[in-house]
């Protein structure tokens, strides 16, 4: 089971980025998949989850700005991030919850 994130980069406040998380050794569509980033008072802040049936769940900080989606043909999970703020600057990780597997992370910098 392996996860590989990509799509991070630098963007100005108010901009958008789409992060990708390619899965190998399993089917993204069969697993509970989530996005996280580091938080000051905890190891990682949960942002969004997409369940196998397609249901999606968001944290308060992600709701309304971030959208988690999946491309089953590409075996890839996505995180569309809009209206980005400087406080969104972080390393973003995807997680296969069922196998407790994490990717290596992808950096997002929001700065003018």
C-alpha atoms as a PDB file:
ATOM      1  CA  UNK A   1       0.000   0.000   0.000  1.00  0.00           C
ATOM      2  CA  UNK A   2       1.506   3.305  -1.048  1.00  0.00           C
ATOM      3  CA  UNK A   3       0.340   6.898  -1.369  1.00  0.00           C
ATOM      4  CA  UNK A   4       2.047   9.678  -3.297  1.00  0.00           C
ATOM      5  CA  UNK A   5       0.892  13.280  -3.063  1.00  0.00           C
ATOM      6  CA  UNK A   6       1.567  15.952  -5.680  1.00  0.00           C
ATOM      7  CA  UNK A   7       0.231  19.295  -6.814  1.00  0.00           C
ATOM      8  CA  UNK A   8       1.547  21.513  -4.067  1.00  0.00           C
ATOM      9  CA  UNK A   9       3.240  24.816  -4.782  1.00  0.00           C
ATOM     10  CA  UNK A  10       3.124  28.539  -4.178  1.00  0.00           C
ATOM     11  CA  UNK A  11      -0.004  30.595  -4.702  1.00  0.00           C
ATOM     12  CA  UNK A  12      -1.209  34.068  -3.783  1.00  0.00           C
ATOM     13  CA  UNK A  13      -3.964  34.599  -1.210  1.00  0.00           C
ATOM     14  CA  UNK A  14      -7.332  33.962  -2.794  1.00  0.00           C
ATOM     15  CA  UNK A  15      -5.852  31.504  -5.270  1.00  0.00           C
ATOM     16  CA  UNK A  16      -6.519  27.826  -5.838  1.00  0.00           C
ATOM     17  CA  UNK A  17      -4.593  24.584  -5.967  1.00  0.00           C
ATOM     18  CA  UNK A  18      -5.572  20.993  -6.609  1.00  0.00           C
ATOM     19  CA  UNK A  19      -3.658  18.345  -4.707  1.00  0.00           C
ATOM     20  CA  UNK A  20      -3.473  14.753  -5.913  1.00  0.00           C
ATOM     21  CA  UNK A  21      -2.901  11.540  -3.979  1.00  0.00           C
ATOM     22  CA  UNK A  22      -2.138   8.544  -6.175  1.00  0.00           C
ATOM     23  CA  UNK A  23      -2.701   5.169  -4.576  1.00  0.00           C
ATOM     24  CA  UNK A  24      -0.902   1.940  -5.396  1.00  0.00           C
ATOM     25  CA  UNK A  25      -1.383  -1.548  -4.028  1.00  0.00           C
ATOM     26  CA  UNK A  26      -5.029  -0.920  -3.265  1.00  0.00           C
ATOM     27  CA  UNK A  27      -8.131   0.706  -4.711  1.00  0.00           C
ATOM     28  CA  UNK A  28      -8.787   4.255  -3.553  1.00  0.00           C
ATOM     29  CA  UNK A  29     -12.482   3.640  -4.161  1.00  0.00           C
ATOM     30  CA  UNK A  30     -12.598   0.844  -1.552  1.00  0.00           C
ATOM     31  CA  UNK A  31     -10.977   2.741   1.316  1.00  0.00           C
ATOM     32  CA  UNK A  32     -11.751   5.622   3.627  1.00  0.00           C
ATOM     33  CA  UNK A  33      -9.400   8.320   2.354  1.00  0.00           C
ATOM     34  CA  UNK A  34      -8.598  11.596   4.075  1.00  0.00           C
ATOM     35  CA  UNK A  35      -6.535  14.756   3.834  1.00  0.00           C
ATOM     36  CA  UNK A  36      -4.647  16.253   6.772  1.00  0.00           C
ATOM     37  CA  UNK A  37      -2.111  18.968   7.558  1.00  0.00           C
ATOM     38  CA  UNK A  38      -0.022  19.761  10.664  1.00  0.00           C
ATOM     39  CA  UNK A  39      -1.648  21.804  13.405  1.00  0.00           C
ATOM     40  CA  UNK A  40      -0.007  23.780  16.243  1.00  0.00           C
ATOM     41  CA  UNK A  41      -1.697  21.849  19.048  1.00  0.00           C
ATOM     42  CA  UNK A  42      -1.904  18.374  17.560  1.00  0.00           C
ATOM     43  CA  UNK A  43       0.095  16.102  15.330  1.00  0.00           C
ATOM     44  CA  UNK A  44      -2.125  16.568  12.306  1.00  0.00           C
ATOM     45  CA  UNK A  45      -5.328  18.452  11.617  1.00  0.00           C
ATOM     46  CA  UNK A  46      -7.962  16.457   9.787  1.00  0.00           C
ATOM     47  CA  UNK A  47      -9.428  18.344   6.830  1.00  0.00           C
ATOM     48  CA  UNK A  48     -11.616  16.124   4.691  1.00  0.00           C
ATOM     49  CA  UNK A  49     -12.668  12.523   4.144  1.00  0.00           C
ATOM     50  CA  UNK A  50     -14.196  10.670   1.225  1.00  0.00           C
ATOM     51  CA  UNK A  51     -15.833   7.361   2.067  1.00  0.00           C
ATOM     52  CA  UNK A  52     -16.055   4.405  -0.343  1.00  0.00           C
ATOM     53  CA  UNK A  53     -19.716   5.103  -1.017  1.00  0.00           C
ATOM     54  CA  UNK A  54     -18.921   8.683  -2.003  1.00  0.00           C
ATOM     55  CA  UNK A  55     -19.969  10.516   1.140  1.00  0.00           C
ATOM     56  CA  UNK A  56     -17.705  13.432   2.015  1.00  0.00           C
ATOM     57  CA  UNK A  57     -16.976  15.067   5.335  1.00  0.00           C
ATOM     58  CA  UNK A  58     -15.135  18.310   6.096  1.00  0.00           C
ATOM     59  CA  UNK A  59     -13.639  20.061   9.089  1.00  0.00           C
ATOM     60  CA  UNK A  60     -14.831  23.561   9.913  1.00  0.00           C
ATOM     61  CA  UNK A  61     -11.642  25.011   8.459  1.00  0.00           C
ATOM     62  CA  UNK A  62     -12.127  23.164   5.157  1.00  0.00           C
ATOM     63  CA  UNK A  63     -15.891  23.414   4.751  1.00  0.00           C
ATOM     64  CA  UNK A  64     -16.874  25.697   1.899  1.00  0.00           C
ATOM     65  CA  UNK A  65     -13.336  26.164   0.541  1.00  0.00           C
ATOM     66  CA  UNK A  66     -11.967  22.656   0.028  1.00  0.00           C
ATOM     67  CA  UNK A  67     -13.502  19.827  -1.983  1.00  0.00           C
ATOM     68  CA  UNK A  68     -12.382  16.204  -1.813  1.00  0.00           C
ATOM     69  CA  UNK A  69     -12.994  14.050  -4.869  1.00  0.00           C
ATOM     70  CA  UNK A  70     -11.819  10.836  -6.449  1.00  0.00           C
ATOM     71  CA  UNK A  71     -10.988   9.498  -9.887  1.00  0.00           C
ATOM     72  CA  UNK A  72     -11.401   5.737  -9.713  1.00  0.00           C
ATOM     73  CA  UNK A  73      -9.870   5.166 -13.160  1.00  0.00           C
ATOM     74  CA  UNK A  74      -6.702   6.978 -12.074  1.00  0.00           C
ATOM     75  CA  UNK A  75      -6.901   5.497  -8.553  1.00  0.00           C
ATOM     76  CA  UNK A  76      -6.343   9.005  -7.251  1.00  0.00           C
ATOM     77  CA  UNK A  77      -7.822  11.183  -4.517  1.00  0.00           C
ATOM     78  CA  UNK A  78      -7.932  14.953  -4.991  1.00  0.00           C
ATOM     79  CA  UNK A  79      -8.259  17.992  -2.773  1.00  0.00           C
ATOM     80  CA  UNK A  80      -9.408  21.129  -4.559  1.00  0.00           C
ATOM     81  CA  UNK A  81      -8.490  24.122  -2.433  1.00  0.00           C
ATOM     82  CA  UNK A  82     -10.037  27.502  -3.234  1.00  0.00           C
ATOM     83  CA  UNK A  83      -9.907  30.904  -1.574  1.00  0.00           C
ATOM     84  CA  UNK A  84      -6.580  30.010  -0.047  1.00  0.00           C
ATOM     85  CA  UNK A  85      -5.303  32.008   2.925  1.00  0.00           C
ATOM     86  CA  UNK A  86      -1.775  32.473   4.275  1.00  0.00           C
ATOM     87  CA  UNK A  87      -2.729  30.305   7.257  1.00  0.00           C
ATOM     88  CA  UNK A  88      -3.314  27.408   4.846  1.00  0.00           C
ATOM     89  CA  UNK A  89       0.454  27.244   4.329  1.00  0.00           C
ATOM     90  CA  UNK A  90       1.472  23.738   5.378  1.00  0.00           C
ATOM     91  CA  UNK A  91       2.471  20.292   4.224  1.00  0.00           C
ATOM     92  CA  UNK A  92      -0.642  18.396   3.126  1.00  0.00           C
ATOM     93  CA  UNK A  93      -0.866  14.644   3.620  1.00  0.00           C
ATOM     94  CA  UNK A  94      -3.307  12.075   2.390  1.00  0.00           C
ATOM     95  CA  UNK A  95      -4.184   9.031   4.438  1.00  0.00           C
ATOM     96  CA  UNK A  96      -5.603   5.618   3.778  1.00  0.00           C
ATOM     97  CA  UNK A  97      -7.526   5.306   7.036  1.00  0.00           C
ATOM     98  CA  UNK A  98      -8.218   1.590   6.694  1.00  0.00           C
ATOM     99  CA  UNK A  99      -4.551   0.641   6.365  1.00  0.00           C
ATOM    100  CA  UNK A 100      -3.236   3.541   8.458  1.00  0.00           C
ATOM    101  CA  UNK A 101      -0.959   4.533   5.583  1.00  0.00           C
ATOM    102  CA  UNK A 102       0.265   8.077   4.936  1.00  0.00           C
ATOM    103  CA  UNK A 103       1.863   9.718   1.951  1.00  0.00           C
ATOM    104  CA  UNK A 104       5.052  11.763   2.125  1.00  0.00           C
ATOM    105  CA  UNK A 105       3.222  15.088   1.894  1.00  0.00           C
ATOM    106  CA  UNK A 106       3.185  17.993  -0.536  1.00  0.00           C
ATOM    107  CA  UNK A 107       3.997  21.591   0.382  1.00  0.00           C
ATOM    108  CA  UNK A 108       1.519  24.420  -0.085  1.00  0.00           C
ATOM    109  CA  UNK A 109       2.657  28.011   0.392  1.00  0.00           C
ATOM    110  CA  UNK A 110       0.138  30.859   0.318  1.00  0.00           C
ATOM    111  CA  UNK A 111       1.868  34.207   0.202  1.00  0.00           C
ATOM    112  CA  UNK A 112       1.736  37.507  -1.608  1.00  0.00           C
END
